[in-house]
Full PDB file with SEQRES, HELIX, SHEET, SSBOND, CRYST1, ORIGX, SCALE, CONECT and MASTER records, all heavy atoms in Angstrom:
SEQRES   1 A   37  LYS GLU THR GLU ILE ASP GLY ALA TYR ASN GLU ILE ILE          
SEQRES   2 A   37  PHE ALA ILE GLY GLY SER ASN GLY LEU PRO ALA GLU ILE          
SEQRES   3 A   37  ARG GLN LYS SER ASP PHE LYS PHE SER MET SER                  
HELIX    1 AA1 GLU A    2  ASP A    6  1                                   5    
HELIX    2 AA2 ALA A   24  LYS A   29  1                                   6    
CRYST1    1.000    1.000    1.000  90.00  90.00  90.00 P 1           1          
ORIGX1      1.000000  0.000000  0.000000        0.00000                         
ORIGX2      0.000000  1.000000  0.000000        0.00000                         
ORIGX3      0.000000  0.000000  1.000000        0.00000                         
SCALE1      1.000000  0.000000  0.000000        0.00000                         
SCALE2      0.000000  1.000000  0.000000        0.00000                         
SCALE3      0.000000  0.000000  1.000000        0.00000                         
ATOM      1  N   LYS A   1      18.764   1.919  -8.931  1.00  0.00           N  
ATOM      2  CA  LYS A   1      19.150   0.710  -8.184  1.00  0.00           C  
ATOM      3  C   LYS A   1      17.948   0.111  -7.450  1.00  0.00           C  
ATOM      4  O   LYS A   1      17.722  -1.106  -7.498  1.00  0.00           O  
ATOM      5  CB  LYS A   1      20.262   1.040  -7.198  1.00  0.00           C  
ATOM      6  CG  LYS A   1      20.725  -0.148  -6.381  1.00  0.00           C  
ATOM      7  CD  LYS A   1      21.815   0.252  -5.415  1.00  0.00           C  
ATOM      8  CE  LYS A   1      22.259  -0.929  -4.575  1.00  0.00           C  
ATOM      9  NZ  LYS A   1      23.301  -0.532  -3.614  1.00  0.00           N  
ATOM     10  N   GLU A   2      17.179   0.948  -6.758  1.00  0.00           N  
ATOM     11  CA  GLU A   2      16.004   0.473  -6.030  1.00  0.00           C  
ATOM     12  C   GLU A   2      14.996  -0.184  -6.963  1.00  0.00           C  
ATOM     13  O   GLU A   2      14.390  -1.198  -6.612  1.00  0.00           O  
ATOM     14  CB  GLU A   2      15.343   1.632  -5.280  1.00  0.00           C  
ATOM     15  CG  GLU A   2      16.129   2.124  -4.096  1.00  0.00           C  
ATOM     16  CD  GLU A   2      15.595   3.433  -3.528  1.00  0.00           C  
ATOM     17  OE1 GLU A   2      14.575   3.959  -4.029  1.00  0.00           O  
ATOM     18  OE2 GLU A   2      16.220   3.948  -2.589  1.00  0.00           O  
ATOM     19  N   THR A   3      14.812   0.386  -8.134  1.00  0.00           N  
ATOM     20  CA  THR A   3      13.874  -0.186  -9.101  1.00  0.00           C  
ATOM     21  C   THR A   3      14.386  -1.528  -9.603  1.00  0.00           C  
ATOM     22  O   THR A   3      13.610  -2.473  -9.758  1.00  0.00           O  
ATOM     23  CB  THR A   3      13.651   0.794 -10.277  1.00  0.00           C  
ATOM     24  OG1 THR A   3      13.239   2.062  -9.742  1.00  0.00           O  
ATOM     25  CG2 THR A   3      12.592   0.284 -11.227  1.00  0.00           C  
ATOM     26  N   GLU A   4      15.689  -1.628  -9.823  1.00  0.00           N  
ATOM     27  CA  GLU A   4      16.275  -2.890 -10.281  1.00  0.00           C  
ATOM     28  C   GLU A   4      16.137  -3.992  -9.242  1.00  0.00           C  
ATOM     29  O   GLU A   4      15.797  -5.118  -9.567  1.00  0.00           O  
ATOM     30  CB  GLU A   4      17.756  -2.702 -10.624  1.00  0.00           C  
ATOM     31  CG  GLU A   4      18.000  -1.959 -11.910  1.00  0.00           C  
ATOM     32  CD  GLU A   4      19.479  -1.800 -12.231  1.00  0.00           C  
ATOM     33  OE1 GLU A   4      20.326  -1.920 -11.323  1.00  0.00           O  
ATOM     34  OE2 GLU A   4      19.784  -1.553 -13.407  1.00  0.00           O  
ATOM     35  N   ILE A   5      16.413  -3.667  -7.975  1.00  0.00           N  
ATOM     36  CA  ILE A   5      16.410  -4.716  -6.955  1.00  0.00           C  
ATOM     37  C   ILE A   5      15.012  -5.001  -6.409  1.00  0.00           C  
ATOM     38  O   ILE A   5      14.820  -5.977  -5.696  1.00  0.00           O  
ATOM     39  CB  ILE A   5      17.387  -4.414  -5.790  1.00  0.00           C  
ATOM     40  CG1 ILE A   5      17.023  -3.142  -5.063  1.00  0.00           C  
ATOM     41  CG2 ILE A   5      18.815  -4.362  -6.284  1.00  0.00           C  
ATOM     42  CD1 ILE A   5      17.868  -2.876  -3.827  1.00  0.00           C  
ATOM     43  N   ASP A   6      14.042  -4.173  -6.752  1.00  0.00           N  
ATOM     44  CA  ASP A   6      12.676  -4.392  -6.311  1.00  0.00           C  
ATOM     45  C   ASP A   6      12.184  -5.783  -6.723  1.00  0.00           C  
ATOM     46  O   ASP A   6      11.476  -6.438  -5.972  1.00  0.00           O  
ATOM     47  CB  ASP A   6      11.769  -3.294  -6.890  1.00  0.00           C  
ATOM     48  CG  ASP A   6      10.325  -3.445  -6.468  1.00  0.00           C  
ATOM     49  OD1 ASP A   6       9.638  -4.310  -7.035  1.00  0.00           O  
ATOM     50  OD2 ASP A   6       9.885  -2.697  -5.571  1.00  0.00           O  
ATOM     51  N   GLY A   7      12.549  -6.219  -7.913  1.00  0.00           N  
ATOM     52  CA  GLY A   7      12.156  -7.533  -8.390  1.00  0.00           C  
ATOM     53  C   GLY A   7      10.836  -7.573  -9.141  1.00  0.00           C  
ATOM     54  O   GLY A   7      10.536  -8.548  -9.823  1.00  0.00           O  
ATOM     55  N   ALA A   8      10.030  -6.540  -9.019  1.00  0.00           N  
ATOM     56  CA  ALA A   8       8.726  -6.516  -9.679  1.00  0.00           C  
ATOM     57  C   ALA A   8       8.809  -6.009 -11.115  1.00  0.00           C  
ATOM     58  O   ALA A   8       7.869  -6.160 -11.882  1.00  0.00           O  
ATOM     59  CB  ALA A   8       7.751  -5.653  -8.888  1.00  0.00           C  
ATOM     60  N   TYR A   9       9.948  -5.417 -11.473  1.00  0.00           N  
ATOM     61  CA  TYR A   9      10.060  -4.764 -12.776  1.00  0.00           C  
ATOM     62  C   TYR A   9      11.232  -5.336 -13.569  1.00  0.00           C  
ATOM     63  O   TYR A   9      12.269  -5.652 -13.006  1.00  0.00           O  
ATOM     64  CB  TYR A   9      10.266  -3.254 -12.594  1.00  0.00           C  
ATOM     65  CG  TYR A   9       9.230  -2.632 -11.699  1.00  0.00           C  
ATOM     66  CD1 TYR A   9       9.520  -2.305 -10.380  1.00  0.00           C  
ATOM     67  CD2 TYR A   9       7.949  -2.394 -12.175  1.00  0.00           C  
ATOM     68  CE1 TYR A   9       8.558  -1.750  -9.546  1.00  0.00           C  
ATOM     69  CE2 TYR A   9       6.981  -1.842 -11.349  1.00  0.00           C  
ATOM     70  CZ  TYR A   9       7.289  -1.527 -10.043  1.00  0.00           C  
ATOM     71  OH  TYR A   9       6.332  -0.989  -9.234  1.00  0.00           O  
ATOM     72  N   ASN A  10      11.027  -5.449 -14.884  1.00  0.00           N  
ATOM     73  CA  ASN A  10      12.152  -5.838 -15.730  1.00  0.00           C  
ATOM     74  C   ASN A  10      12.527  -4.743 -16.721  1.00  0.00           C  
ATOM     75  O   ASN A  10      13.431  -4.912 -17.511  1.00  0.00           O  
ATOM     76  CB  ASN A  10      11.891  -7.164 -16.445  1.00  0.00           C  
ATOM     77  CG  ASN A  10      10.836  -7.072 -17.518  1.00  0.00           C  
ATOM     78  OD1 ASN A  10      10.226  -6.032 -17.709  1.00  0.00           O  
ATOM     79  ND2 ASN A  10      10.609  -8.164 -18.213  1.00  0.00           N  
ATOM     80  N   GLU A  11      11.816  -3.612 -16.650  1.00  0.00           N  
ATOM     81  CA  GLU A  11      12.183  -2.478 -17.496  1.00  0.00           C  
ATOM     82  C   GLU A  11      11.766  -1.179 -16.833  1.00  0.00           C  
ATOM     83  O   GLU A  11      10.806  -1.126 -16.072  1.00  0.00           O  
ATOM     84  CB  GLU A  11      11.584  -2.584 -18.894  1.00  0.00           C  
ATOM     85  CG  GLU A  11      10.097  -2.368 -18.977  1.00  0.00           C  
ATOM     86  CD  GLU A  11       9.558  -2.414 -20.402  1.00  0.00           C  
ATOM     87  OE1 GLU A  11      10.330  -2.548 -21.368  1.00  0.00           O  
ATOM     88  OE2 GLU A  11       8.335  -2.300 -20.549  1.00  0.00           O  
ATOM     89  N   ILE A  12      12.554  -0.155 -17.131  1.00  0.00           N  
ATOM     90  CA  ILE A  12      12.220   1.212 -16.732  1.00  0.00           C  
ATOM     91  C   ILE A  12      11.909   1.962 -18.020  1.00  0.00           C  
ATOM     92  O   ILE A  12      12.689   1.920 -18.976  1.00  0.00           O  
ATOM     93  CB  ILE A  12      13.385   1.902 -16.000  1.00  0.00           C  
ATOM     94  CG1 ILE A  12      13.742   1.151 -14.719  1.00  0.00           C  
ATOM     95  CG2 ILE A  12      13.031   3.360 -15.693  1.00  0.00           C  
ATOM     96  CD1 ILE A  12      15.006   1.672 -14.026  1.00  0.00           C  
ATOM     97  N   ILE A  13      10.775   2.622 -18.039  1.00  0.00           N  
ATOM     98  CA  ILE A  13      10.397   3.448 -19.185  1.00  0.00           C  
ATOM     99  C   ILE A  13      10.393   4.903 -18.729  1.00  0.00           C  
ATOM    100  O   ILE A  13       9.698   5.259 -17.776  1.00  0.00           O  
ATOM    101  CB  ILE A  13       9.016   3.063 -19.742  1.00  0.00           C  
ATOM    102  CG1 ILE A  13       9.030   1.634 -20.269  1.00  0.00           C  
ATOM    103  CG2 ILE A  13       8.582   4.048 -20.826  1.00  0.00           C  
ATOM    104  CD1 ILE A  13       7.678   1.137 -20.764  1.00  0.00           C  
ATOM    105  N   PHE A  14      11.194   5.715 -19.410  1.00  0.00           N  
ATOM    106  CA  PHE A  14      11.192   7.157 -19.182  1.00  0.00           C  
ATOM    107  C   PHE A  14      10.350   7.779 -20.291  1.00  0.00           C  
ATOM    108  O   PHE A  14      10.594   7.513 -21.474  1.00  0.00           O  
ATOM    109  CB  PHE A  14      12.609   7.724 -19.255  1.00  0.00           C  
ATOM    110  CG  PHE A  14      13.486   7.345 -18.096  1.00  0.00           C  
ATOM    111  CD1 PHE A  14      14.290   6.221 -18.159  1.00  0.00           C  
ATOM    112  CD2 PHE A  14      13.527   8.125 -16.944  1.00  0.00           C  
ATOM    113  CE1 PHE A  14      15.116   5.872 -17.101  1.00  0.00           C  
ATOM    114  CE2 PHE A  14      14.340   7.782 -15.881  1.00  0.00           C  
ATOM    115  CZ  PHE A  14      15.141   6.654 -15.953  1.00  0.00           C  
ATOM    116  N   ALA A  15       9.382   8.600 -19.938  1.00  0.00           N  
ATOM    117  CA  ALA A  15       8.508   9.243 -20.924  1.00  0.00           C  
ATOM    118  C   ALA A  15       8.779  10.739 -20.961  1.00  0.00           C  
ATOM    119  O   ALA A  15       8.696  11.423 -19.927  1.00  0.00           O  
ATOM    120  CB  ALA A  15       7.043   8.981 -20.594  1.00  0.00           C  
ATOM    121  N   ILE A  16       9.111  11.231 -22.159  1.00  0.00           N  
ATOM    122  CA  ILE A  16       9.389  12.651 -22.377  1.00  0.00           C  
ATOM    123  C   ILE A  16       8.328  13.189 -23.339  1.00  0.00           C  
ATOM    124  O   ILE A  16       8.216  12.702 -24.478  1.00  0.00           O  
ATOM    125  CB  ILE A  16      10.794  12.867 -22.986  1.00  0.00           C  
ATOM    126  CG1 ILE A  16      11.872  12.275 -22.075  1.00  0.00           C  
ATOM    127  CG2 ILE A  16      11.039  14.352 -23.245  1.00  0.00           C  
ATOM    128  CD1 ILE A  16      13.266  12.270 -22.695  1.00  0.00           C  
ATOM    129  N   GLY A  17       7.572  14.162 -22.902  1.00  0.00           N  
ATOM    130  CA  GLY A  17       6.519  14.726 -23.739  1.00  0.00           C  
ATOM    131  C   GLY A  17       7.060  15.690 -24.779  1.00  0.00           C  
ATOM    132  O   GLY A  17       8.234  16.069 -24.763  1.00  0.00           O  
ATOM    133  N   GLY A  18       6.181  16.071 -25.665  1.00  0.00           N  
ATOM    134  CA  GLY A  18       6.520  17.051 -26.696  1.00  0.00           C  
ATOM    135  C   GLY A  18       6.313  18.466 -26.174  1.00  0.00           C  
ATOM    136  O   GLY A  18       6.346  18.716 -24.967  1.00  0.00           O  
ATOM    137  N   SER A  19       6.049  19.393 -27.076  1.00  0.00           N  
ATOM    138  CA  SER A  19       5.932  20.802 -26.707  1.00  0.00           C  
ATOM    139  C   SER A  19       4.757  21.081 -25.763  1.00  0.00           C  
ATOM    140  O   SER A  19       4.769  22.056 -25.023  1.00  0.00           O  
ATOM    141  CB  SER A  19       5.812  21.670 -27.960  1.00  0.00           C  
ATOM    142  OG  SER A  19       4.676  21.290 -28.709  1.00  0.00           O  
ATOM    143  N   ASN A  20       3.765  20.221 -25.758  1.00  0.00           N  
ATOM    144  CA  ASN A  20       2.615  20.400 -24.856  1.00  0.00           C  
ATOM    145  C   ASN A  20       2.748  19.582 -23.574  1.00  0.00           C  
ATOM    146  O   ASN A  20       1.800  19.481 -22.807  1.00  0.00           O  
ATOM    147  CB  ASN A  20       1.317  20.025 -25.572  1.00  0.00           C  
ATOM    148  CG  ASN A  20       1.000  20.964 -26.707  1.00  0.00           C  
ATOM    149  OD1 ASN A  20       1.225  22.164 -26.595  1.00  0.00           O  
ATOM    150  ND2 ASN A  20       0.521  20.433 -27.809  1.00  0.00           N  
ATOM    151  N   GLY A  21       3.908  18.973 -23.369  1.00  0.00           N  
ATOM    152  CA  GLY A  21       4.092  18.147 -22.184  1.00  0.00           C  
ATOM    153  C   GLY A  21       3.455  16.779 -22.352  1.00  0.00           C  
ATOM    154  O   GLY A  21       3.133  16.362 -23.463  1.00  0.00           O  
ATOM    155  N   LEU A  22       3.271  16.084 -21.253  1.00  0.00           N  
ATOM    156  CA  LEU A  22       2.672  14.755 -21.282  1.00  0.00           C  
ATOM    157  C   LEU A  22       1.169  14.843 -21.040  1.00  0.00           C  
ATOM    158  O   LEU A  22       0.719  15.623 -20.199  1.00  0.00           O  
ATOM    159  CB  LEU A  22       3.302  13.867 -20.207  1.00  0.00           C  
ATOM    160  CG  LEU A  22       4.745  13.457 -20.450  1.00  0.00           C  
ATOM    161  CD1 LEU A  22       5.354  12.870 -19.182  1.00  0.00           C  
ATOM    162  CD2 LEU A  22       4.837  12.454 -21.591  1.00  0.00           C  
ATOM    163  N   PRO A  23       0.401  14.001 -21.742  1.00  0.00           N  
ATOM    164  CA  PRO A  23      -1.044  13.982 -21.498  1.00  0.00           C  
ATOM    165  C   PRO A  23      -1.360  13.529 -20.065  1.00  0.00           C  
ATOM    166  O   PRO A  23      -0.607  12.764 -19.458  1.00  0.00           O  
ATOM    167  CB  PRO A  23      -1.564  12.957 -22.511  1.00  0.00           C  
ATOM    168  CG  PRO A  23      -0.473  12.783 -23.511  1.00  0.00           C  
ATOM    169  CD  PRO A  23       0.805  13.100 -22.810  1.00  0.00           C  
ATOM    170  N   ALA A  24      -2.483  13.975 -19.542  1.00  0.00           N  
ATOM    171  CA  ALA A  24      -2.889  13.653 -18.170  1.00  0.00           C  
ATOM    172  C   ALA A  24      -2.957  12.149 -17.932  1.00  0.00           C  
ATOM    173  O   ALA A  24      -2.547  11.674 -16.871  1.00  0.00           O  
ATOM    174  CB  ALA A  24      -4.237  14.300 -17.865  1.00  0.00           C  
ATOM    175  N   GLU A  25      -3.447  11.387 -18.901  1.00  0.00           N  
ATOM    176  CA  GLU A  25      -3.578   9.932 -18.691  1.00  0.00           C  
ATOM    177  C   GLU A  25      -2.215   9.244 -18.542  1.00  0.00           C  
ATOM    178  O   GLU A  25      -2.106   8.241 -17.853  1.00  0.00           O  
ATOM    179  CB  GLU A  25      -4.409   9.255 -19.790  1.00  0.00           C  
ATOM    180  CG  GLU A  25      -3.761   9.199 -21.156  1.00  0.00           C  
ATOM    181  CD  GLU A  25      -4.135  10.332 -22.088  1.00  0.00           C  
ATOM    182  OE1 GLU A  25      -4.703  11.338 -21.621  1.00  0.00           O  
ATOM    183  OE2 GLU A  25      -3.855  10.210 -23.288  1.00  0.00           O  
ATOM    184  N   ILE A  26      -1.176   9.806 -19.140  1.00  0.00           N  
ATOM    185  CA  ILE A  26       0.178   9.248 -18.978  1.00  0.00           C  
ATOM    186  C   ILE A  26       0.722   9.660 -17.611  1.00  0.00           C  
ATOM    187  O   ILE A  26       1.298   8.842 -16.892  1.00  0.00           O  
ATOM    188  CB  ILE A  26       1.123   9.737 -20.104  1.00  0.00           C  
ATOM    189  CG1 ILE A  26       0.587   9.339 -21.475  1.00  0.00           C  
ATOM    190  CG2 ILE A  26       2.540   9.226 -19.887  1.00  0.00           C  
ATOM    191  CD1 ILE A  26       0.337   7.871 -21.671  1.00  0.00           C  
ATOM    192  N   ARG A  27       0.528  10.903 -17.224  1.00  0.00           N  
ATOM    193  CA  ARG A  27       0.997  11.362 -15.913  1.00  0.00           C  
ATOM    194  C   ARG A  27       0.335  10.574 -14.788  1.00  0.00           C  
ATOM    195  O   ARG A  27       0.957  10.274 -13.784  1.00  0.00           O  
ATOM    196  CB  ARG A  27       0.751  12.864 -15.756  1.00  0.00           C  
ATOM    197  CG  ARG A  27       1.602  13.700 -16.713  1.00  0.00           C  
ATOM    198  CD  ARG A  27       1.627  15.189 -16.382  1.00  0.00           C  
ATOM    199  NE  ARG A  27       0.389  15.759 -15.915  1.00  0.00           N  
ATOM    200  CZ  ARG A  27      -0.521  16.344 -16.690  1.00  0.00           C  
ATOM    201  NH1 ARG A  27      -0.327  16.430 -17.992  1.00  0.00           N  
ATOM    202  NH2 ARG A  27      -1.614  16.861 -16.166  1.00  0.00           N  
ATOM    203  N   GLN A  28      -0.930  10.190 -14.969  1.00  0.00           N  
ATOM    204  CA  GLN A  28      -1.643   9.413 -13.948  1.00  0.00           C  
ATOM    205  C   GLN A  28      -1.087   7.998 -13.823  1.00  0.00           C  
ATOM    206  O   GLN A  28      -1.148   7.403 -12.751  1.00  0.00           O  
ATOM    207  CB  GLN A  28      -3.132   9.362 -14.267  1.00  0.00           C  
ATOM    208  CG  GLN A  28      -3.828  10.693 -14.082  1.00  0.00           C  
ATOM    209  CD  GLN A  28      -5.233  10.708 -14.639  1.00  0.00           C  
ATOM    210  OE1 GLN A  28      -5.699   9.762 -15.262  1.00  0.00           O  
ATOM    211  NE2 GLN A  28      -5.922  11.825 -14.416  1.00  0.00           N  
ATOM    212  N   LYS A  29      -0.555   7.443 -14.896  1.00  0.00           N  
ATOM    213  CA  LYS A  29      -0.001   6.084 -14.871  1.00  0.00           C  
ATOM    214  C   LYS A  29       1.426   6.046 -14.325  1.00  0.00           C  
ATOM    215  O   LYS A  29       1.973   4.977 -14.105  1.00  0.00           O  
ATOM    216  CB  LYS A  29      -0.008   5.484 -16.280  1.00  0.00           C  
ATOM    217  CG  LYS A  29      -1.380   5.195 -16.803  1.00  0.00           C  
ATOM    218  CD  LYS A  29      -1.308   4.593 -18.188  1.00  0.00           C  
ATOM    219  CE  LYS A  29      -2.734   4.360 -18.686  1.00  0.00           C  
ATOM    220  NZ  LYS A  29      -2.775   3.572 -19.893  1.00  0.00           N  
ATOM    221  N   SER A  30       2.014   7.203 -14.125  1.00  0.00           N  
ATOM    222  CA  SER A  30       3.406   7.301 -13.715  1.00  0.00           C  
ATOM    223  C   SER A  30       3.653   6.652 -12.353  1.00  0.00           C  
ATOM    224  O   SER A  30       2.899   6.848 -11.401  1.00  0.00           O  
ATOM    225  CB  SER A  30       3.810   8.776 -13.661  1.00  0.00           C  
ATOM    226  OG  SER A  30       5.145   8.909 -13.254  1.00  0.00           O  
ATOM    227  N   ASP A  31       4.735   5.883 -12.273  1.00  0.00           N  
ATOM    228  CA  ASP A  31       5.178   5.327 -10.997  1.00  0.00           C  
ATOM    229  C   ASP A  31       6.047   6.330 -10.244  1.00  0.00           C  
ATOM    230  O   ASP A  31       6.163   6.266  -9.028  1.00  0.00           O  
ATOM    231  CB  ASP A  31       5.972   4.031 -11.229  1.00  0.00           C  
ATOM    232  CG  ASP A  31       5.098   2.932 -11.797  1.00  0.00           C  
ATOM    233  OD1 ASP A  31       4.098   2.584 -11.148  1.00  0.00           O  
ATOM    234  OD2 ASP A  31       5.404   2.426 -12.900  1.00  0.00           O  
ATOM    235  N   PHE A  32       6.686   7.225 -10.998  1.00  0.00           N  
ATOM    236  CA  PHE A  32       7.535   8.243 -10.393  1.00  0.00           C  
ATOM    237  C   PHE A  32       7.590   9.445 -11.322  1.00  0.00           C  
ATOM    238  O   PHE A  32       7.899   9.308 -12.503  1.00  0.00           O  
ATOM    239  CB  PHE A  32       8.951   7.692 -10.155  1.00  0.00           C  
ATOM    240  CG  PHE A  32       9.864   8.660  -9.455  1.00  0.00           C  
ATOM    241  CD1 PHE A  32       9.735   8.902  -8.096  1.00  0.00           C  
ATOM    242  CD2 PHE A  32      10.858   9.329 -10.151  1.00  0.00           C  
ATOM    243  CE1 PHE A  32      10.580   9.802  -7.444  1.00  0.00           C  
ATOM    244  CE2 PHE A  32      11.706  10.222  -9.516  1.00  0.00           C  
ATOM    245  CZ  PHE A  32      11.565  10.455  -8.162  1.00  0.00           C  
ATOM    246  N   LYS A  33       7.289  10.607 -10.788  1.00  0.00           N  
ATOM    247  CA  LYS A  33       7.352  11.854 -11.549  1.00  0.00           C  
ATOM    248  C   LYS A  33       8.706  12.501 -11.260  1.00  0.00           C  
ATOM    249  O   LYS A  33       8.997  12.834 -10.117  1.00  0.00           O  
ATOM    250  CB  LYS A  33       6.196  12.767 -11.159  1.00  0.00           C  
ATOM    251  CG  LYS A  33       4.837  12.207 -11.538  1.00  0.00           C  
ATOM    252  CD  LYS A  33       3.724  13.030 -10.941  1.00  0.00           C  
ATOM    253  CE  LYS A  33       2.325  12.565 -11.213  1.00  0.00           C  
ATOM    254  NZ  LYS A  33       2.063  11.340 -11.828  1.00  0.00           N  
ATOM    255  N   PHE A  34       9.498  12.670 -12.309  1.00  0.00           N  
ATOM    256  CA  PHE A  34      10.876  13.132 -12.181  1.00  0.00           C  
ATOM    257  C   PHE A  34      11.055  14.466 -12.890  1.00  0.00           C  
ATOM    258  O   PHE A  34      10.612  14.644 -14.021  1.00  0.00           O  
ATOM    259  CB  PHE A  34      11.807  12.073 -12.794  1.00  0.00           C  
ATOM    260  CG  PHE A  34      13.260  12.450 -12.834  1.00  0.00           C  
ATOM    261  CD1 PHE A  34      13.915  12.894 -11.707  1.00  0.00           C  
ATOM    262  CD2 PHE A  34      13.979  12.337 -14.016  1.00  0.00           C  
ATOM    263  CE1 PHE A  34      15.269  13.232 -11.750  1.00  0.00           C  
ATOM    264  CE2 PHE A  34      15.323  12.660 -14.074  1.00  0.00           C  
ATOM    265  CZ  PHE A  34      15.976  13.112 -12.937  1.00  0.00           C  
ATOM    266  N   SER A  35      11.690  15.410 -12.201  1.00  0.00           N  
ATOM    267  CA  SER A  35      12.018  16.696 -12.803  1.00  0.00           C  
ATOM    268  C   SER A  35      13.531  16.832 -12.860  1.00  0.00           C  
ATOM    269  O   SER A  35      14.197  16.736 -11.838  1.00  0.00           O  
ATOM    270  CB  SER A  35      11.428  17.846 -11.975  1.00  0.00           C  
ATOM    271  OG  SER A  35      11.879  19.090 -12.482  1.00  0.00           O  
ATOM    272  N   MET A  36      14.066  17.057 -14.050  1.00  0.00           N  
ATOM    273  CA  MET A  36      15.505  17.282 -14.180  1.00  0.00           C  
ATOM    274  C   MET A  36      15.875  18.703 -13.791  1.00  0.00           C  
ATOM    275  O   MET A  36      17.026  18.976 -13.497  1.00  0.00           O  
ATOM    276  CB  MET A  36      15.972  16.986 -15.604  1.00  0.00           C  
ATOM    277  CG  MET A  36      15.867  15.523 -15.967  1.00  0.00           C  
ATOM    278  SD  MET A  36      16.756  15.091 -17.479  1.00  0.00           S  
ATOM    279  CE  MET A  36      15.908  16.062 -18.709  1.00  0.00           C  
ATOM    280  N   SER A  37      14.889  19.599 -13.817  1.00  0.00           N  
ATOM    281  CA  SER A  37      15.144  21.004 -13.522  1.00  0.00           C  
ATOM    282  C   SER A  37      13.814  21.739 -13.545  1.00  0.00           C  
ATOM    283  O   SER A  37      12.829  21.241 -14.087  1.00  0.00           O  
ATOM    284  CB  SER A  37      16.076  21.584 -14.590  1.00  0.00           C  
ATOM    285  OG  SER A  37      16.178  22.979 -14.485  1.00  0.00           O  
TER     286      SER A  37                                                      
MASTER        0    0    0    2    0    0    0    6  285    1    0    3          
END                                                                             
């Protein structure tokens, strides 16, 4: 909801890495680091 009403964004991209996880350059670009567990 906060991302939607912020007004600066028109899309949310969730990035899920493979067996080696996400590359460092993608993690550095992250606006929010989310852990499901």
